[in-house]
Structures are given as C-alpha cells and as structure tokens.
Amino acid sequence: MSVPPIDPFPSVSAALADARGLDDQELCDALVEAEKSLRRIQAQMAVLTTELQSRVAASGCRVSGASEELALLLAVSPRSADRRMDLAVVLCEREVVWAALHDGRIDTSKAQLILDVLQDVPDPRREELELIAIEYGAERTAHQLRKRLLALTVEKDPEEVLHKKALDRREVWVRPAAHGMAEIGGYVSAEQAEIFIGALEKLAADQQCPDPYGQGENRSKSQRMADALVGLLSDRVQVEVCVDVVISADQLAGHNDWTPQTKRLGPIGSKIAQNKCTSPDARWRRLITDPASGELVAMDTSAYRIPRQLREAIKARDVCCRFPGCHSRAEFFDCDHIVPHPEGETCSANLAGLCRRHHRTKTFSTWKVERDPLAPRHELVWTSPLGRRYRTASHRYARDE
C-alpha cells in the first residue's frame, strides 16, 4: 500500500491528525520512507556542498575560504562547516558509500563511520571493505558496524601501518556546555585509553577519591570518576592556569543583574565568579566601557607585564576573533591590519583580532573586509567569495548579554 503524501508545511496538530489516520502498517511504512527521503536529501546536500567547495576553490588562492562560506550560509560554526565539507567531499569521492546513502541503505552516521575508519586503507582493498561494511551495516546499528570495521582493519593491518597513521591524529578537546559546565574529550590509542579509564575507576572506588563538592557517599560512579579525573591531574601536574572572569562591579557586590563570563567557556554562576574573583590568587584589571554601547573604551594594564599595550587593548576590545561566526579567544588571535600596512595605519581603528585560521583566510583567499567608519562601534563588513556580506562588531560589555 502506498503511503499518502505529507504536506511539507502543516501545523503540528494537522500533521499529527494525518498520522493518527494511518493504520499500523502504513505508519511503519511512512517512517521508513521518511527516513529514506532524509538520507537522499543528505546525499544531495553532499553534492551541493562539494560543488560550493569546488566553485570557491576555483579562485586558485592558497586558502579557499569555502568552509567559511558554508558556515555562514547554514549558521554553523567553522569547525562544524569543516566537518560537513570534509564529509561531503570524501563522500562524493567514494561512489559506493554515497550511493548507499542516497538509496537509503545507510544513514550519515554510518557513512561517516565507514569513511573515517577506512580512510587510511589503500584501494582496491578499501572499496572491498566499504562494500562489506555497507551490507553489514544496513541492518545493524552504528555501534555494531563500528566493532565490525575495527575488527576488519586490525585483521588486515598486521604491521600496524594504519595504527601508526591514526596515532598522528591524537588530540584532546573541550566544548562549553549549559549551566556552567563543559565537555572534555580525546582521541588516543586504545591501550592508553584502557590505562586511563582503569586508573579513573580505581581512584573513584578508593576512599581517598577527591571530593571537591563535599558530596561524600552520595555520588554516583560517574560523578566519582569525574572528580577523580580532576584529582588525578591536580595531584601530579603543577601548572599555573589563568582563567579570565569578566564580572561587573554591581555583580561583585552581590547584585544579580548581570551574568559573569569566562573567556573560554562563557557564562558561569554568580557565586562561582565571586569566589574566583575574591580568592587570594586573583589578579585584576579594570575595563572601562561605554554605558550605551557596551564597547570597551579604555583599560588598565598595570596588573599585566605585557609591553604591547595597543595589542592588549585590541584583545580586550574584541575578546574573540572578528571573523563572522568565529569565537576563538583573544589569547589565540593575531592583531591584523584591516587595511594592510604600510597603506593602513597601526592604530586601534585599523586593527582587528583574527584567529590564525581567519587571518590566513583574509590574507590568502578572496574574502574581503573593510571597516564601517559610520558605525557606532568598531564594525567590520566582510564580503564572501560568492558575494554575500556579513557584519561583526567589537565585544559589548553590557548587562543584557
């Protein structure tokens, strides 16, 4: 029995009413067809994304800027755009995997898994394993497929050539999360991961497990392991770490009219910020802002032994990279001339903070930038390789953010 077409723009109540009119078999068929349609659209998105990459790259510049174009079109982060573009380009290079996605046999998570695990396997062996993986994964979960793929690659890699290539991609990352929390992840060798998890489990089960929040025996195993992770590092590695906390004078006095911010991971709780700022180890610098615009107009650098005060002022003014959609922090960006030196002056108005990636994008791609002299704040107007325009402004130190 054919599944009745669904209006692409119904109200949710109308859509639910249509769904309630289906019998059990029709409902199951509709779910399967909807999933296949979604996978087909994702395969088409890969083609369109690859074409966008090709058009922007046709400029012949050292840096294409295609990921930045995609990021702003879809309102995603540059890293997310990188991942989407990398997946799209590789997917379109691997015909059998793209066809399996387009035909609805596998979803994007399985396609990504096949491409990632087999990326270092040379052809024709790679295509042979792709076909095995598609047939195996079509009726199984991504977790089951991953286990099968890992087994296949280990069996076919007796000299550990692929393992050595994979080791070159080891890394650790941190991402902000809600409610003053953060996520930490890593990509390391399996044997190191086993040792790491084993050490955490052992420390978590020990009576000497760190208890930074005073919860004692009320903690779950996962909570104890999280506490053990911090304790494992703090007990063995002594390093000085600076955490910038931006807090208003009113908030510091106990008025709850503004949310304190950390530069790296964003908003934190008021009590946490007050404790950090009043601790004996805290160092202070004064930021003077325009009360109307919230833009930094002056700063006191006496607490920092940094000779380049103009550079430090630009970092405090911009806070993060001034490329549209980028939030790389000030300590990791370059102060770049908007109008290149020597034609452009070395002054606050002609300087902007750019992370290394977007500094290269500005310099070596067809992305263009200019400052709007009529804007009330320090505003930049960016023009993409495909002609789209975007604005960014200096950081606004204001209570409503």
Protein backbone atom coordinates (compact mmCIF):
# COMPACT_ATOMS: atom_id res chain seq x y z
CA MET A 1 0.00 0.00 0.00
CA SER A 2 1.38 3.40 -0.94
CA VAL A 3 1.92 5.95 1.79
CA PRO A 4 -0.13 9.15 1.40
CA PRO A 5 1.99 12.24 0.72
CA ILE A 6 2.53 14.60 3.63
CA ASP A 7 2.03 18.36 3.32
CA PRO A 8 5.53 19.87 3.70
CA PHE A 9 4.29 22.83 5.78
CA PRO A 10 1.42 21.68 8.03
CA SER A 11 0.73 22.76 11.55
CA VAL A 12 1.87 20.14 14.01
CA SER A 13 -1.73 19.44 15.02
CA ALA A 14 -2.71 18.81 11.37
CA ALA A 15 0.34 16.59 10.85
CA LEU A 16 -0.50 14.57 13.97
CA ALA A 17 -4.10 14.22 12.80
CA ASP A 18 -2.86 12.82 9.46
CA ALA A 19 -0.55 10.41 11.27
CA ARG A 20 -3.37 9.19 13.52
CA GLY A 21 -5.34 8.30 10.39
CA LEU A 22 -2.72 5.71 9.36
CA ASP A 23 -3.06 2.08 10.35
CA ASP A 24 -0.08 0.32 11.96
CA GLN A 25 1.46 -0.89 8.70
CA GLU A 26 1.03 2.48 7.00
CA LEU A 27 2.65 4.22 9.97
CA CYS A 28 5.69 1.92 9.80
CA ASP A 29 5.92 2.37 6.02
CA ALA A 30 5.70 6.15 6.41
CA LEU A 31 8.53 6.17 8.96
CA VAL A 32 10.78 4.09 6.69
CA GLU A 33 10.02 6.27 3.66
CA ALA A 34 10.60 9.47 5.62
CA GLU A 35 13.98 8.18 6.77
CA LYS A 36 14.93 7.21 3.20
CA SER A 37 13.90 10.66 1.97
CA LEU A 38 16.05 12.28 4.65
CA ARG A 39 19.06 10.17 3.64
CA ARG A 40 18.50 11.04 -0.02
CA ILE A 41 18.43 14.74 0.83
CA GLN A 42 21.65 14.35 2.84
CA ALA A 43 23.32 12.75 -0.18
CA GLN A 44 22.12 15.67 -2.29
CA MET A 45 23.46 18.10 0.33
CA ALA A 46 26.85 16.42 -0.02
CA VAL A 47 26.80 17.05 -3.77
CA LEU A 48 25.78 20.71 -3.34
CA THR A 49 28.39 21.25 -0.63
CA THR A 50 31.10 19.71 -2.81
CA GLU A 51 30.08 21.97 -5.70
CA LEU A 52 30.26 25.03 -3.43
CA GLN A 53 33.74 23.96 -2.35
CA SER A 54 34.76 23.50 -5.97
CA ARG A 55 33.50 26.93 -7.05
CA VAL A 56 35.19 28.81 -4.23
CA ALA A 57 38.41 26.83 -4.67
CA ALA A 58 38.44 27.75 -8.38
CA SER A 59 39.84 31.17 -7.39
CA GLY A 60 43.21 29.47 -7.07
CA CYS A 61 44.02 31.20 -3.77
CA ARG A 62 46.22 29.49 -1.19
CA VAL A 63 43.22 29.43 1.18
CA SER A 64 39.81 28.87 -0.40
CA GLY A 65 37.52 30.18 2.36
CA ALA A 66 34.86 27.68 1.29
CA SER A 67 34.21 26.39 4.81
CA GLU A 68 33.64 29.94 6.00
CA GLU A 69 31.13 30.47 3.18
CA LEU A 70 29.27 27.30 4.19
CA ALA A 71 29.39 28.13 7.91
CA LEU A 72 27.70 31.47 7.42
CA LEU A 73 25.14 30.18 4.91
CA LEU A 74 23.97 27.47 7.33
CA ALA A 75 24.61 29.38 10.59
CA VAL A 76 27.00 26.74 11.94
CA SER A 77 30.46 27.05 13.49
CA PRO A 78 33.59 26.96 11.29
CA ARG A 79 34.53 23.59 12.80
CA SER A 80 31.08 22.20 12.03
CA ALA A 81 31.35 23.55 8.48
CA ASP A 82 34.78 21.92 8.16
CA ARG A 83 33.32 18.58 9.21
CA ARG A 84 30.37 18.90 6.84
CA MET A 85 32.57 19.90 3.93
CA ASP A 86 35.15 17.21 4.62
CA LEU A 87 32.40 14.59 4.81
CA ALA A 88 30.73 15.87 1.64
CA VAL A 89 33.92 15.94 -0.43
CA VAL A 90 35.10 12.49 0.69
CA LEU A 91 31.58 11.08 0.33
CA CYS A 92 31.44 12.25 -3.28
CA GLU A 93 34.83 10.66 -3.89
CA ARG A 94 33.67 7.28 -2.55
CA GLU A 95 30.97 6.29 -5.02
CA VAL A 96 29.70 3.15 -3.29
CA VAL A 97 29.27 4.89 0.08
CA TRP A 98 27.48 7.89 -1.48
CA ALA A 99 25.17 5.56 -3.43
CA ALA A 100 24.33 3.60 -0.26
CA LEU A 101 23.37 6.85 1.50
CA HIS A 102 21.36 8.11 -1.48
CA ASP A 103 19.49 4.80 -1.75
CA GLY A 104 18.69 4.91 1.97
CA ARG A 105 20.63 1.77 2.89
CA ILE A 106 22.77 3.58 5.48
CA ASP A 107 22.46 6.91 7.28
CA THR A 108 25.06 9.68 7.56
CA SER A 109 26.44 8.40 10.88
CA LYS A 110 27.23 5.04 9.28
CA ALA A 111 28.60 6.70 6.15
CA GLN A 112 30.85 8.89 8.31
CA LEU A 113 31.95 5.83 10.27
CA ILE A 114 32.88 3.88 7.15
CA LEU A 115 34.80 6.83 5.70
CA ASP A 116 36.64 7.56 8.97
CA VAL A 117 37.67 4.02 9.85
CA LEU A 118 38.74 3.12 6.32
CA GLN A 119 40.37 6.43 5.38
CA ASP A 120 43.93 5.07 5.55
CA VAL A 121 43.19 1.79 3.76
CA PRO A 122 44.51 1.86 0.17
CA ASP A 123 42.39 0.88 -2.84
CA PRO A 124 41.30 -1.62 -4.08
CA ARG A 125 41.14 -3.09 -0.57
CA ARG A 126 39.27 -0.03 0.69
CA GLU A 127 36.39 -0.41 -1.77
CA GLU A 128 36.13 -4.10 -0.92
CA LEU A 129 35.81 -3.25 2.78
CA GLU A 130 33.31 -0.48 2.00
CA LEU A 131 31.02 -2.97 0.28
CA ILE A 132 31.32 -5.40 3.19
CA ALA A 133 30.58 -2.60 5.66
CA ILE A 134 27.53 -1.34 3.76
CA GLU A 135 26.00 -4.80 3.53
CA TYR A 136 26.74 -5.49 7.19
CA GLY A 137 25.64 -2.07 8.45
CA ALA A 138 22.38 -1.79 6.51
CA GLU A 139 20.54 -3.93 9.07
CA ARG A 140 22.65 -3.18 12.15
CA THR A 141 23.37 -0.28 14.47
CA ALA A 142 26.31 2.08 14.09
CA HIS A 143 27.83 0.56 17.24
CA GLN A 144 27.72 -2.93 15.74
CA LEU A 145 29.14 -1.60 12.48
CA ARG A 146 32.00 0.13 14.29
CA LYS A 147 33.02 -3.08 16.06
CA ARG A 148 32.98 -4.98 12.77
CA LEU A 149 35.00 -2.32 10.96
CA LEU A 150 37.59 -2.12 13.72
CA ALA A 151 37.99 -5.88 13.65
CA LEU A 152 38.42 -5.85 9.87
CA THR A 153 41.05 -3.11 9.92
CA VAL A 154 43.08 -4.77 12.68
CA GLU A 155 42.96 -8.14 10.90
CA LYS A 156 44.20 -6.56 7.68
CA ASP A 157 46.92 -4.44 9.34
CA PRO A 158 49.46 -6.93 10.78
CA GLU A 159 52.31 -4.42 10.53
CA GLU A 160 50.22 -1.72 12.27
CA VAL A 161 50.78 0.73 9.42
CA LEU A 162 47.25 2.10 9.76
CA HIS A 163 47.59 2.30 13.54
CA LYS A 164 50.70 4.47 13.21
CA LYS A 165 48.87 6.82 10.85
CA ALA A 166 45.96 7.05 13.25
CA LEU A 167 48.31 7.95 16.12
CA ASP A 168 49.26 11.12 14.26
CA ARG A 169 45.69 12.36 14.74
CA ARG A 170 45.63 12.05 18.55
CA GLU A 171 44.13 15.07 20.30
CA VAL A 172 42.15 16.42 23.26
CA TRP A 173 39.31 18.95 23.03
CA VAL A 174 36.97 20.91 25.27
CA ARG A 175 33.49 22.25 24.46
CA PRO A 176 31.24 24.56 26.50
CA ALA A 177 28.02 23.10 27.91
CA ALA A 178 24.99 24.54 29.67
CA HIS A 179 24.77 25.59 33.34
CA GLY A 180 28.43 26.46 33.78
CA MET A 181 29.69 23.05 32.67
CA ALA A 182 31.99 21.82 29.90
CA GLU A 183 32.69 18.63 27.95
CA ILE A 184 36.19 17.16 27.62
CA GLY A 185 37.05 14.54 25.00
CA GLY A 186 40.07 12.91 23.46
CA TYR A 187 41.36 10.69 20.66
CA VAL A 188 44.18 8.43 21.88
CA SER A 189 45.41 4.87 21.37
CA ALA A 190 43.16 2.12 22.71
CA GLU A 191 45.79 0.83 25.13
CA GLN A 192 46.32 4.30 26.61
CA ALA A 193 42.56 4.75 26.93
CA GLU A 194 42.30 1.44 28.81
CA ILE A 195 45.02 2.54 31.24
CA PHE A 196 43.37 5.94 31.68
CA ILE A 197 39.88 4.57 32.36
CA GLY A 198 41.29 1.87 34.61
CA ALA A 199 43.13 4.47 36.70
CA LEU A 200 39.99 6.60 36.99
CA GLU A 201 37.86 3.62 38.04
CA LYS A 202 40.41 2.58 40.64
CA LEU A 203 40.72 6.08 42.08
CA ALA A 204 36.93 6.56 42.02
CA ALA A 205 36.45 3.39 44.08
CA ASP A 206 39.11 4.39 46.61
CA GLN A 207 38.23 6.07 49.91
CA GLN A 208 40.75 8.77 49.03
CA CYS A 209 38.83 9.79 45.89
CA PRO A 210 38.81 13.62 45.67
CA ASP A 211 35.53 15.17 46.77
CA PRO A 212 35.66 18.83 45.63
CA TYR A 213 31.94 19.43 46.19
CA GLY A 214 31.62 17.73 49.58
CA GLN A 215 29.01 15.18 48.43
CA GLY A 216 30.69 12.20 50.08
CA GLU A 217 28.99 8.85 49.55
CA ASN A 218 26.02 10.38 47.72
CA ARG A 219 27.96 10.42 44.44
CA SER A 220 27.38 8.03 41.56
CA LYS A 221 30.25 6.11 39.98
CA SER A 222 30.30 8.58 37.06
CA GLN A 223 30.44 11.55 39.43
CA ARG A 224 33.30 9.98 41.40
CA MET A 225 35.19 9.32 38.15
CA ALA A 226 34.73 12.95 37.11
CA ASP A 227 36.09 14.08 40.48
CA ALA A 228 38.92 11.56 40.15
CA LEU A 229 39.88 12.99 36.76
CA VAL A 230 40.46 16.44 38.22
CA GLY A 231 42.23 14.99 41.24
CA LEU A 232 44.44 12.75 39.11
CA LEU A 233 45.78 15.77 37.24
CA SER A 234 45.96 18.29 40.08
CA ASP A 235 47.87 15.88 42.32
CA ARG A 236 50.53 15.07 39.72
CA VAL A 237 50.98 18.08 37.47
CA GLN A 238 51.65 21.54 38.85
CA VAL A 239 50.98 24.28 36.28
CA GLU A 240 49.82 27.86 36.54
CA VAL A 241 46.50 28.34 34.74
CA CYS A 242 44.87 31.73 34.22
CA VAL A 243 41.06 31.83 33.99
CA ASP A 244 39.70 35.22 32.92
CA VAL A 245 36.38 36.06 34.57
CA VAL A 246 34.53 39.19 33.43
CA ILE A 247 32.21 40.43 36.17
CA SER A 248 30.50 43.77 36.78
CA ALA A 249 31.18 45.82 39.90
CA ASP A 250 27.48 45.52 40.79
CA GLN A 251 27.58 41.74 40.45
CA LEU A 252 30.70 41.51 42.58
CA ALA A 253 28.83 43.44 45.28
CA GLY A 254 26.08 40.82 45.20
CA HIS A 255 23.51 42.33 42.83
CA ASN A 256 22.13 39.72 40.42
CA ASP A 257 21.69 41.92 37.35
CA TRP A 258 24.40 40.51 35.07
CA THR A 259 25.80 37.08 34.22
CA PRO A 260 29.57 36.69 34.77
CA GLN A 261 31.53 35.33 31.82
CA THR A 262 34.68 33.28 31.32
CA LYS A 263 36.54 33.92 28.11
CA ARG A 264 36.94 30.26 27.24
CA LEU A 265 33.58 28.69 28.02
CA GLY A 266 31.08 31.51 28.53
CA PRO A 267 28.59 32.09 31.38
CA ILE A 268 29.22 30.80 34.91
CA GLY A 269 27.28 31.06 38.16
CA SER A 270 27.42 34.27 40.20
CA LYS A 271 28.71 32.60 43.38
CA ILE A 272 31.43 30.76 41.45
CA ALA A 273 32.57 34.03 39.86
CA GLN A 274 32.54 35.89 43.18
CA ASN A 275 34.65 33.16 44.80
CA LYS A 276 37.15 33.21 41.93
CA CYS A 277 37.45 37.00 41.90
CA THR A 278 37.91 37.35 45.66
CA SER A 279 40.39 34.49 46.07
CA PRO A 280 43.98 35.34 47.16
CA ASP A 281 45.30 34.26 43.74
CA ALA A 282 43.06 36.63 41.76
CA ARG A 283 44.68 39.35 39.64
CA TRP A 284 42.65 42.33 38.48
CA ARG A 285 42.48 44.68 35.54
CA ARG A 286 39.95 47.44 35.08
CA LEU A 287 37.82 47.62 31.90
CA ILE A 288 36.05 50.91 31.15
CA THR A 289 33.10 50.61 28.78
CA ASP A 290 30.66 52.91 27.05
CA PRO A 291 27.44 52.51 29.10
CA ALA A 292 25.26 52.86 25.99
CA SER A 293 27.06 50.59 23.51
CA GLY A 294 28.89 48.33 25.96
CA GLU A 295 32.08 48.70 23.89
CA LEU A 296 35.46 48.83 25.60
CA VAL A 297 36.84 52.38 25.56
CA ALA A 298 39.80 52.05 27.94
CA MET A 299 41.62 49.56 30.10
CA ASP A 300 44.14 49.40 32.89
CA THR A 301 47.05 47.05 32.13
CA SER A 302 49.06 47.67 35.28
CA ALA A 303 48.40 44.11 36.50
CA TYR A 304 49.97 42.56 33.41
CA ARG A 305 53.61 42.70 32.34
CA ILE A 306 52.86 42.99 28.61
CA PRO A 307 54.87 45.59 26.65
CA ARG A 308 52.50 45.86 23.68
CA GLN A 309 49.68 47.81 25.28
CA LEU A 310 47.93 48.51 21.98
CA ARG A 311 47.81 44.80 21.20
CA GLU A 312 46.44 44.09 24.67
CA ALA A 313 43.80 46.80 24.20
CA ILE A 314 42.68 45.22 20.91
CA LYS A 315 42.40 41.83 22.61
CA ALA A 316 40.29 43.31 25.39
CA ARG A 317 38.12 45.24 22.91
CA ASP A 318 37.42 42.33 20.57
CA VAL A 319 37.56 39.40 23.08
CA CYS A 320 37.24 36.87 20.25
CA CYS A 321 38.07 36.57 16.55
CA ARG A 322 36.29 39.19 14.43
CA PHE A 323 35.51 36.85 11.53
CA PRO A 324 31.74 36.20 11.28
CA GLY A 325 30.66 33.26 13.41
CA CYS A 326 34.08 32.61 14.97
CA HIS A 327 34.53 32.61 18.75
CA SER A 328 38.25 31.82 19.07
CA ARG A 329 39.52 33.53 22.20
CA ALA A 330 41.73 36.62 22.28
CA GLU A 331 44.84 34.89 23.60
CA PHE A 332 44.93 32.80 20.42
CA PHE A 333 44.40 35.51 17.80
CA ASP A 334 46.61 37.86 15.80
CA CYS A 335 46.14 41.63 15.69
CA ASP A 336 45.79 42.24 11.97
CA HIS A 337 45.73 45.44 9.90
CA ILE A 338 42.33 45.84 8.20
CA VAL A 339 43.95 48.00 5.52
CA PRO A 340 47.33 46.29 5.11
CA HIS A 341 50.46 48.04 6.34
CA PRO A 342 52.05 50.34 5.23
CA GLU A 343 48.97 51.81 3.50
CA GLY A 344 46.94 51.29 6.66
CA GLU A 345 47.84 52.88 9.98
CA THR A 346 48.85 50.92 13.04
CA CYS A 347 46.06 52.22 15.24
CA SER A 348 43.06 50.86 17.10
CA ALA A 349 40.62 51.74 14.31
CA ASN A 350 42.64 49.82 11.70
CA LEU A 351 43.37 46.75 13.82
CA ALA A 352 41.18 43.72 14.45
CA GLY A 353 41.71 40.45 16.23
CA LEU A 354 41.67 37.39 13.95
CA CYS A 355 42.45 33.79 14.84
CA ARG A 356 45.26 32.29 12.79
CA ARG A 357 42.83 30.43 10.55
CA HIS A 358 40.82 33.53 9.65
CA HIS A 359 43.94 35.69 9.43
CA ARG A 360 45.05 33.33 6.66
CA THR A 361 41.55 33.39 5.15
CA LYS A 362 41.63 37.20 4.95
CA THR A 363 45.17 37.26 3.54
CA PHE A 364 45.18 34.34 1.12
CA SER A 365 41.57 33.92 -0.08
CA THR A 366 39.04 36.08 -1.91
CA TRP A 367 37.25 37.06 1.31
CA LYS A 368 37.34 40.88 1.67
CA VAL A 369 36.93 43.07 4.75
CA GLU A 370 36.53 46.77 5.44
CA ARG A 371 35.66 48.87 8.48
CA ASP A 372 32.41 50.85 8.58
CA PRO A 373 33.53 54.33 9.75
CA LEU A 374 29.92 55.42 10.41
CA ALA A 375 29.03 52.60 12.78
CA PRO A 376 28.66 53.49 16.47
CA ARG A 377 31.02 50.65 17.42
CA HIS A 378 34.08 49.16 15.73
CA GLU A 379 32.25 47.26 12.96
CA LEU A 380 33.71 45.22 10.10
CA VAL A 381 31.93 44.36 6.85
CA TRP A 382 33.01 41.05 5.31
CA THR A 383 32.29 40.02 1.70
CA SER A 384 32.43 36.30 0.88
CA PRO A 385 33.82 34.72 -2.32
CA LEU A 386 30.23 34.28 -3.57
CA GLY A 387 29.31 37.90 -2.83
CA ARG A 388 27.42 37.61 0.46
CA ARG A 389 28.01 40.30 3.10
CA TYR A 390 28.29 39.93 6.88
CA ARG A 391 28.92 42.36 9.76
CA THR A 392 30.80 41.85 13.01
CA ALA A 393 31.23 44.30 15.89
CA SER A 394 33.60 44.64 18.82
CA HIS A 395 32.63 42.96 22.06
CA ARG A 396 29.82 44.59 24.01
CA TYR A 397 30.44 44.62 27.74
CA ALA A 398 26.80 45.02 28.73
CA ARG A 399 24.35 43.62 31.26
CA ASP A 400 21.91 42.18 28.72
CA GLU A 401 24.42 39.72 27.25
